Amino acid sequence: MTVPDVPSELTRRADQRLKWKWQPTPIAGHTWNLAVATDPDAMLIEACERQDAGEEGVIDPFWATTWRAASGLDRFLDRYRLEGQRVLELGCGTGHAGISAALRGANVTMTDGVEDPLHLVRMSSHAIRDRCEIQRLRFGVDRIDGVTFPLILGSDVTYLRELWPQLDQCVRDHLSPGGEVLLSDPNRIIANEFRDWIQNRDWFYEEHSVILEDDPDHPIRIMRLQRPQ
């Protein structure tokens, strides 16, 4: 496998925080090397053990692997002309969906609520850094001032009910007039509840399905949201 040409400062910073590796990943019709956690299962077990021991502020590292929902959203972006578009990715994790948009010519801001994944995303996106900005964005806490986005992406960001109001507000704060939001998930039961919840929040809702070759019997749902004009 060809290792991407990434500045040693970035790899050194990642090495100090976690164990990681390069993972060839199909993105936007390319095979792209993503920097991902070496053992996400072990990271999740460790986080659970720390939580059980009473440690506060421990975040479940769900960002540490690329979920099928990101692959489905990547595939759905084939329908869009993104050259020169401003795109915001929320809860970017490995950055799969955001890099997909950037490879299609978009100028993408990739965000996550915790710092660790952002170190890896900086490495994964280094070859297209002229089209990528990476920063921390916590739902309901942070806001990117002075800019809105015609397209907002999120894959597997609807799995916690308590975050739905903050996610809703974050999207409202950052969506351009007439813009749209694409949220993907693997048809989780909790996302069925989100579907009903968000439609009662004055959003136009449309649902699509993306079949992936690795498991055709379990397609990815794409929830497309727009504000009424």
C-alpha atoms as a PDB file:
ATOM      1  CA  MET A   1       0.000   0.000   0.000  1.00  0.00           C
ATOM      2  CA  THR A   2       1.280   3.462  -0.905  1.00  0.00           C
ATOM      3  CA  VAL A   3       1.518   5.652   2.185  1.00  0.00           C
ATOM      4  CA  PRO A   4       0.245   9.208   1.599  1.00  0.00           C
ATOM      5  CA  ASP A   5       2.753  12.049   1.717  1.00  0.00           C
ATOM      6  CA  VAL A   6       1.736  13.690   4.985  1.00  0.00           C
ATOM      7  CA  PRO A   7       3.914  16.090   7.028  1.00  0.00           C
ATOM      8  CA  SER A   8       5.635  14.387   9.937  1.00  0.00           C
ATOM      9  CA  GLU A   9       4.180  17.002  12.300  1.00  0.00           C
ATOM     10  CA  LEU A  10       0.666  15.701  11.585  1.00  0.00           C
ATOM     11  CA  THR A  11       1.578  12.038  12.004  1.00  0.00           C
ATOM     12  CA  ARG A  12       3.549  12.766  15.177  1.00  0.00           C
ATOM     13  CA  ARG A  13       0.561  14.585  16.678  1.00  0.00           C
ATOM     14  CA  ALA A  14      -1.709  11.630  15.858  1.00  0.00           C
ATOM     15  CA  ASP A  15       0.818   9.152  17.262  1.00  0.00           C
ATOM     16  CA  GLN A  16       0.770  10.994  20.575  1.00  0.00           C
ATOM     17  CA  ARG A  17      -3.007  10.625  20.924  1.00  0.00           C
ATOM     18  CA  LEU A  18      -3.948   7.181  19.620  1.00  0.00           C
ATOM     19  CA  LYS A  19      -2.995   4.096  17.623  1.00  0.00           C
ATOM     20  CA  TRP A  20      -3.955   4.457  13.975  1.00  0.00           C
ATOM     21  CA  LYS A  21      -3.330   3.065  10.500  1.00  0.00           C
ATOM     22  CA  TRP A  22      -3.945   3.830   6.829  1.00  0.00           C
ATOM     23  CA  GLN A  23      -6.995   2.089   5.379  1.00  0.00           C
ATOM     24  CA  PRO A  24      -7.653   2.051   1.594  1.00  0.00           C
ATOM     25  CA  THR A  25     -11.310   3.011   1.189  1.00  0.00           C
ATOM     26  CA  PRO A  26     -13.520   3.426  -1.908  1.00  0.00           C
ATOM     27  CA  ILE A  27     -14.560   7.090  -1.999  1.00  0.00           C
ATOM     28  CA  ALA A  28     -16.114   8.984  -4.919  1.00  0.00           C
ATOM     29  CA  GLY A  29     -14.920   6.389  -7.399  1.00  0.00           C
ATOM     30  CA  HIS A  30     -11.337   6.456  -6.074  1.00  0.00           C
ATOM     31  CA  THR A  31      -9.413   4.262  -3.667  1.00  0.00           C
ATOM     32  CA  TRP A  32      -8.512   6.748  -0.956  1.00  0.00           C
ATOM     33  CA  ASN A  33      -6.338   6.200   2.101  1.00  0.00           C
ATOM     34  CA  LEU A  34      -8.166   7.110   5.294  1.00  0.00           C
ATOM     35  CA  ALA A  35      -6.350   7.431   8.610  1.00  0.00           C
ATOM     36  CA  VAL A  36      -8.416   5.321  11.008  1.00  0.00           C
ATOM     37  CA  ALA A  37      -8.054   3.911  14.515  1.00  0.00           C
ATOM     38  CA  THR A  38      -6.213   0.584  14.587  1.00  0.00           C
ATOM     39  CA  ASP A  39      -8.618  -1.108  17.024  1.00  0.00           C
ATOM     40  CA  PRO A  40     -11.914   0.808  17.446  1.00  0.00           C
ATOM     41  CA  ASP A  41     -13.503  -2.081  19.362  1.00  0.00           C
ATOM     42  CA  ALA A  42     -10.795  -1.919  22.013  1.00  0.00           C
ATOM     43  CA  MET A  43     -11.247   1.853  22.232  1.00  0.00           C
ATOM     44  CA  LEU A  44     -14.972   1.429  22.844  1.00  0.00           C
ATOM     45  CA  ILE A  45     -14.396  -1.211  25.541  1.00  0.00           C
ATOM     46  CA  GLU A  46     -11.884   1.046  27.266  1.00  0.00           C
ATOM     47  CA  ALA A  47     -14.322   3.985  27.169  1.00  0.00           C
ATOM     48  CA  CYS A  48     -17.096   1.826  28.654  1.00  0.00           C
ATOM     49  CA  GLU A  49     -14.795   0.628  31.434  1.00  0.00           C
ATOM     50  CA  ARG A  50     -13.829   4.219  32.272  1.00  0.00           C
ATOM     51  CA  GLN A  51     -17.494   5.248  32.312  1.00  0.00           C
ATOM     52  CA  ASP A  52     -18.371   2.284  34.563  1.00  0.00           C
ATOM     53  CA  ALA A  53     -15.605   3.357  36.919  1.00  0.00           C
ATOM     54  CA  GLY A  54     -17.322   6.721  37.305  1.00  0.00           C
ATOM     55  CA  GLU A  55     -15.014   8.847  35.145  1.00  0.00           C
ATOM     56  CA  GLU A  56     -16.858  11.868  33.761  1.00  0.00           C
ATOM     57  CA  GLY A  57     -16.585  13.341  30.280  1.00  0.00           C
ATOM     58  CA  VAL A  58     -15.612  10.089  28.544  1.00  0.00           C
ATOM     59  CA  ILE A  59     -16.965  10.076  24.976  1.00  0.00           C
ATOM     60  CA  ASP A  60     -17.823   6.822  23.211  1.00  0.00           C
ATOM     61  CA  PRO A  61     -15.380   6.676  20.250  1.00  0.00           C
ATOM     62  CA  PHE A  62     -17.961   5.816  17.587  1.00  0.00           C
ATOM     63  CA  TRP A  63     -15.999   8.083  15.240  1.00  0.00           C
ATOM     64  CA  ALA A  64     -13.130   5.580  15.147  1.00  0.00           C
ATOM     65  CA  THR A  65     -14.425   3.479  12.261  1.00  0.00           C
ATOM     66  CA  THR A  66     -16.015   4.186   8.882  1.00  0.00           C
ATOM     67  CA  TRP A  67     -19.686   3.246   9.034  1.00  0.00           C
ATOM     68  CA  ARG A  68     -21.736   1.973   6.096  1.00  0.00           C
ATOM     69  CA  ALA A  69     -23.894   5.065   6.408  1.00  0.00           C
ATOM     70  CA  ALA A  70     -20.941   7.178   5.219  1.00  0.00           C
ATOM     71  CA  SER A  71     -20.435   4.884   2.222  1.00  0.00           C
ATOM     72  CA  GLY A  72     -24.126   5.222   1.352  1.00  0.00           C
ATOM     73  CA  LEU A  73     -23.973   9.001   1.597  1.00  0.00           C
ATOM     74  CA  ASP A  74     -20.844   8.978  -0.559  1.00  0.00           C
ATOM     75  CA  ARG A  75     -22.727   6.990  -3.200  1.00  0.00           C
ATOM     76  CA  PHE A  76     -25.754   9.307  -3.011  1.00  0.00           C
ATOM     77  CA  LEU A  77     -23.547  12.315  -3.775  1.00  0.00           C
ATOM     78  CA  ASP A  78     -23.143  10.927  -7.309  1.00  0.00           C
ATOM     79  CA  ARG A  79     -26.439  12.728  -7.973  1.00  0.00           C
ATOM     80  CA  TYR A  80     -25.016  16.171  -7.151  1.00  0.00           C
ATOM     81  CA  ARG A  81     -22.894  18.713  -8.992  1.00  0.00           C
ATOM     82  CA  LEU A  82     -20.616  19.946  -6.235  1.00  0.00           C
ATOM     83  CA  GLU A  83     -17.872  21.846  -8.079  1.00  0.00           C
ATOM     84  CA  GLY A  84     -17.205  25.031  -6.093  1.00  0.00           C
ATOM     85  CA  GLN A  85     -20.041  24.409  -3.608  1.00  0.00           C
ATOM     86  CA  ARG A  86     -19.647  25.105   0.116  1.00  0.00           C
ATOM     87  CA  VAL A  87     -20.359  21.923   2.084  1.00  0.00           C
ATOM     88  CA  LEU A  88     -20.430  21.326   5.837  1.00  0.00           C
ATOM     89  CA  GLU A  89     -19.992  17.847   7.296  1.00  0.00           C
ATOM     90  CA  LEU A  90     -21.241  17.358  10.862  1.00  0.00           C
ATOM     91  CA  GLY A  91     -19.866  14.595  13.086  1.00  0.00           C
ATOM     92  CA  CYS A  92     -17.332  13.770  10.396  1.00  0.00           C
ATOM     93  CA  GLY A  93     -15.612  10.843  12.174  1.00  0.00           C
ATOM     94  CA  THR A  94     -13.138   9.552   9.607  1.00  0.00           C
ATOM     95  CA  GLY A  95     -14.162  12.282   7.152  1.00  0.00           C
ATOM     96  CA  HIS A  96     -15.450   9.832   4.553  1.00  0.00           C
ATOM     97  CA  ALA A  97     -18.465  11.867   3.400  1.00  0.00           C
ATOM     98  CA  GLY A  98     -16.656  15.201   3.496  1.00  0.00           C
ATOM     99  CA  ILE A  99     -13.717  13.868   1.497  1.00  0.00           C
ATOM    100  CA  SER A 100     -16.237  12.436  -0.967  1.00  0.00           C
ATOM    101  CA  ALA A 101     -17.659  15.934  -1.500  1.00  0.00           C
ATOM    102  CA  ALA A 102     -14.184  17.475  -1.782  1.00  0.00           C
ATOM    103  CA  LEU A 103     -13.133  14.926  -4.396  1.00  0.00           C
ATOM    104  CA  ARG A 104     -16.194  16.039  -6.363  1.00  0.00           C
ATOM    105  CA  GLY A 105     -14.891  19.615  -6.300  1.00  0.00           C
ATOM    106  CA  ALA A 106     -16.641  21.053  -3.236  1.00  0.00           C
ATOM    107  CA  ASN A 107     -15.053  23.308  -0.622  1.00  0.00           C
ATOM    108  CA  VAL A 108     -15.738  21.329   2.533  1.00  0.00           C
ATOM    109  CA  THR A 109     -15.655  22.175   6.217  1.00  0.00           C
ATOM    110  CA  MET A 110     -15.376  18.920   8.173  1.00  0.00           C
ATOM    111  CA  THR A 111     -16.304  19.072  11.842  1.00  0.00           C
ATOM    112  CA  ASP A 112     -16.624  16.815  14.852  1.00  0.00           C
ATOM    113  CA  GLY A 113     -17.409  17.362  18.506  1.00  0.00           C
ATOM    114  CA  VAL A 114     -14.157  15.808  19.762  1.00  0.00           C
ATOM    115  CA  GLU A 115     -10.560  16.472  18.798  1.00  0.00           C
ATOM    116  CA  ASP A 116      -9.152  12.963  18.213  1.00  0.00           C
ATOM    117  CA  PRO A 117     -10.877  12.261  14.883  1.00  0.00           C
ATOM    118  CA  LEU A 118      -9.915  15.688  13.582  1.00  0.00           C
ATOM    119  CA  HIS A 119      -6.214  14.790  13.840  1.00  0.00           C
ATOM    120  CA  LEU A 120      -6.819  11.788  11.598  1.00  0.00           C
ATOM    121  CA  VAL A 121      -9.026  13.728   9.170  1.00  0.00           C
ATOM    122  CA  ARG A 122      -6.269  16.313   8.686  1.00  0.00           C
ATOM    123  CA  MET A 123      -4.011  13.511   7.504  1.00  0.00           C
ATOM    124  CA  SER A 124      -6.657  11.811   5.372  1.00  0.00           C
ATOM    125  CA  SER A 125      -7.502  15.063   3.589  1.00  0.00           C
ATOM    126  CA  HIS A 126      -3.965  16.452   3.300  1.00  0.00           C
ATOM    127  CA  ALA A 127      -3.717  15.789  -0.444  1.00  0.00           C
ATOM    128  CA  ILE A 128      -6.836  17.930  -1.039  1.00  0.00           C
ATOM    129  CA  ARG A 129      -6.236  20.410   1.792  1.00  0.00           C
ATOM    130  CA  ASP A 130      -6.907  23.354  -0.537  1.00  0.00           C
ATOM    131  CA  ARG A 131     -10.571  22.275  -0.515  1.00  0.00           C
ATOM    132  CA  CYS A 132     -10.836  21.150   3.112  1.00  0.00           C
ATOM    133  CA  GLU A 133     -11.114  22.973   6.413  1.00  0.00           C
ATOM    134  CA  ILE A 134     -11.196  20.960   9.623  1.00  0.00           C
ATOM    135  CA  GLN A 135     -12.463  22.302  12.943  1.00  0.00           C
ATOM    136  CA  ARG A 136     -14.240  21.322  16.135  1.00  0.00           C
ATOM    137  CA  LEU A 137     -17.998  21.894  16.220  1.00  0.00           C
ATOM    138  CA  ARG A 138     -20.168  20.694  19.100  1.00  0.00           C
ATOM    139  CA  PHE A 139     -23.914  20.633  18.524  1.00  0.00           C
ATOM    140  CA  GLY A 140     -25.611  23.302  20.577  1.00  0.00           C
ATOM    141  CA  VAL A 141     -22.307  24.798  21.745  1.00  0.00           C
ATOM    142  CA  ASP A 142     -20.212  26.013  18.814  1.00  0.00           C
ATOM    143  CA  ARG A 143     -21.133  28.025  15.741  1.00  0.00           C
ATOM    144  CA  ILE A 144     -19.214  28.942  12.592  1.00  0.00           C
ATOM    145  CA  ASP A 145     -19.755  32.677  12.302  1.00  0.00           C
ATOM    146  CA  GLY A 146     -20.149  34.579   9.060  1.00  0.00           C
ATOM    147  CA  VAL A 147     -20.793  31.677   6.702  1.00  0.00           C
ATOM    148  CA  THR A 148     -23.644  29.358   5.791  1.00  0.00           C
ATOM    149  CA  PHE A 149     -23.658  26.258   3.603  1.00  0.00           C
ATOM    150  CA  PRO A 150     -25.930  25.241   0.718  1.00  0.00           C
ATOM    151  CA  LEU A 151     -25.346  21.585   1.612  1.00  0.00           C
ATOM    152  CA  ILE A 152     -24.895  19.985   5.031  1.00  0.00           C
ATOM    153  CA  LEU A 153     -23.943  16.312   5.435  1.00  0.00           C
ATOM    154  CA  GLY A 154     -24.148  13.950   8.383  1.00  0.00           C
ATOM    155  CA  SER A 155     -23.763  10.174   8.567  1.00  0.00           C
ATOM    156  CA  ASP A 156     -24.961   8.297  11.661  1.00  0.00           C
ATOM    157  CA  VAL A 157     -25.520  11.489  13.670  1.00  0.00           C
ATOM    158  CA  THR A 158     -29.104  10.715  14.786  1.00  0.00           C
ATOM    159  CA  TYR A 159     -28.477   7.844  17.224  1.00  0.00           C
ATOM    160  CA  LEU A 160     -28.844   9.883  20.458  1.00  0.00           C
ATOM    161  CA  ARG A 161     -32.263  11.371  21.229  1.00  0.00           C
ATOM    162  CA  GLU A 162     -30.796  13.895  23.646  1.00  0.00           C
ATOM    163  CA  LEU A 163     -28.756  15.440  20.810  1.00  0.00           C
ATOM    164  CA  TRP A 164     -31.642  15.880  18.378  1.00  0.00           C
ATOM    165  CA  PRO A 165     -32.586  19.431  19.501  1.00  0.00           C
ATOM    166  CA  GLN A 166     -28.933  20.535  19.344  1.00  0.00           C
ATOM    167  CA  LEU A 167     -28.495  18.920  15.924  1.00  0.00           C
ATOM    168  CA  ASP A 168     -31.631  20.642  14.683  1.00  0.00           C
ATOM    169  CA  GLN A 169     -30.410  24.024  15.925  1.00  0.00           C
ATOM    170  CA  CYS A 170     -26.922  23.479  14.522  1.00  0.00           C
ATOM    171  CA  VAL A 171     -28.348  22.755  11.080  1.00  0.00           C
ATOM    172  CA  ARG A 172     -30.643  25.803  11.226  1.00  0.00           C
ATOM    173  CA  ASP A 173     -27.688  28.003  12.235  1.00  0.00           C
ATOM    174  CA  HIS A 174     -25.521  26.901   9.313  1.00  0.00           C
ATOM    175  CA  LEU A 175     -27.859  26.148   6.384  1.00  0.00           C
ATOM    176  CA  SER A 176     -28.083  28.681   3.569  1.00  0.00           C
ATOM    177  CA  PRO A 177     -31.567  29.806   2.441  1.00  0.00           C
ATOM    178  CA  GLY A 178     -32.827  27.199  -0.018  1.00  0.00           C
ATOM    179  CA  GLY A 179     -30.110  24.766   1.057  1.00  0.00           C
ATOM    180  CA  GLU A 180     -30.531  21.113   1.913  1.00  0.00           C
ATOM    181  CA  VAL A 181     -29.380  18.598   4.491  1.00  0.00           C
ATOM    182  CA  LEU A 182     -28.474  14.964   3.793  1.00  0.00           C
ATOM    183  CA  LEU A 183     -28.428  12.618   6.792  1.00  0.00           C
ATOM    184  CA  SER A 184     -27.686   8.926   6.343  1.00  0.00           C
ATOM    185  CA  ASP A 185     -28.202   5.919   8.583  1.00  0.00           C
ATOM    186  CA  PRO A 186     -28.495   2.116   8.183  1.00  0.00           C
ATOM    187  CA  ASN A 187     -32.244   2.172   8.922  1.00  0.00           C
ATOM    188  CA  ARG A 188     -31.829   2.143  12.680  1.00  0.00           C
ATOM    189  CA  ILE A 189     -35.009   2.026  14.775  1.00  0.00           C
ATOM    190  CA  ILE A 190     -33.913   5.181  16.603  1.00  0.00           C
ATOM    191  CA  ALA A 191     -33.620   6.975  13.262  1.00  0.00           C
ATOM    192  CA  ASN A 192     -37.211   5.998  12.489  1.00  0.00           C
ATOM    193  CA  GLU A 193     -38.137   8.010  15.564  1.00  0.00           C
ATOM    194  CA  PHE A 194     -35.925  10.877  14.414  1.00  0.00           C
ATOM    195  CA  ARG A 195     -37.693  10.863  11.043  1.00  0.00           C
ATOM    196  CA  ASP A 196     -41.024  11.456  12.744  1.00  0.00           C
ATOM    197  CA  TRP A 197     -39.563  13.967  15.190  1.00  0.00           C
ATOM    198  CA  ILE A 198     -37.836  16.138  12.584  1.00  0.00           C
ATOM    199  CA  GLN A 199     -40.918  16.351  10.371  1.00  0.00           C
ATOM    200  CA  ASN A 200     -42.734  17.969  13.298  1.00  0.00           C
ATOM    201  CA  ARG A 201     -40.017  20.626  13.450  1.00  0.00           C
ATOM    202  CA  ASP A 202     -41.066  22.439  10.260  1.00  0.00           C
ATOM    203  CA  TRP A 203     -38.809  20.643   7.788  1.00  0.00           C
ATOM    204  CA  PHE A 204     -39.636  19.305   4.344  1.00  0.00           C
ATOM    205  CA  TYR A 205     -38.664  15.620   4.475  1.00  0.00           C
ATOM    206  CA  GLU A 206     -37.787  13.241   1.657  1.00  0.00           C
ATOM    207  CA  GLU A 207     -36.371   9.729   1.973  1.00  0.00           C
ATOM    208  CA  HIS A 208     -34.132   7.769  -0.384  1.00  0.00           C
ATOM    209  CA  SER A 209     -32.466   4.357  -0.268  1.00  0.00           C
ATOM    210  CA  VAL A 210     -28.947   3.424  -1.372  1.00  0.00           C
ATOM    211  CA  ILE A 211     -28.039  -0.225  -1.942  1.00  0.00           C
ATOM    212  CA  LEU A 212     -24.424  -1.155  -1.247  1.00  0.00           C
ATOM    213  CA  GLU A 213     -22.804  -4.214  -2.768  1.00  0.00           C
ATOM    214  CA  ASP A 214     -21.404  -5.508   0.529  1.00  0.00           C
ATOM    215  CA  ASP A 215     -24.923  -6.133   1.922  1.00  0.00           C
ATOM    216  CA  PRO A 216     -27.747  -5.500  -0.588  1.00  0.00           C
ATOM    217  CA  ASP A 217     -30.388  -6.669   1.886  1.00  0.00           C
ATOM    218  CA  HIS A 218     -29.599  -3.782   4.239  1.00  0.00           C
ATOM    219  CA  PRO A 219     -29.667  -0.530   2.262  1.00  0.00           C
ATOM    220  CA  ILE A 220     -28.655   2.858   3.636  1.00  0.00           C
ATOM    221  CA  ARG A 221     -31.369   5.429   4.223  1.00  0.00           C
ATOM    222  CA  ILE A 222     -30.788   9.021   3.100  1.00  0.00           C
ATOM    223  CA  MET A 223     -32.942  11.623   4.832  1.00  0.00           C
ATOM    224  CA  ARG A 224     -33.108  14.806   2.755  1.00  0.00           C
ATOM    225  CA  LEU A 225     -34.261  17.915   4.615  1.00  0.00           C
ATOM    226  CA  GLN A 226     -35.134  21.414   3.401  1.00  0.00           C
ATOM    227  CA  ARG A 227     -36.688  24.405   5.087  1.00  0.00           C
ATOM    228  CA  PRO A 228     -40.065  25.476   3.666  1.00  0.00           C
ATOM    229  CA  GLN A 229     -39.716  28.568   1.465  1.00  0.00           C
END
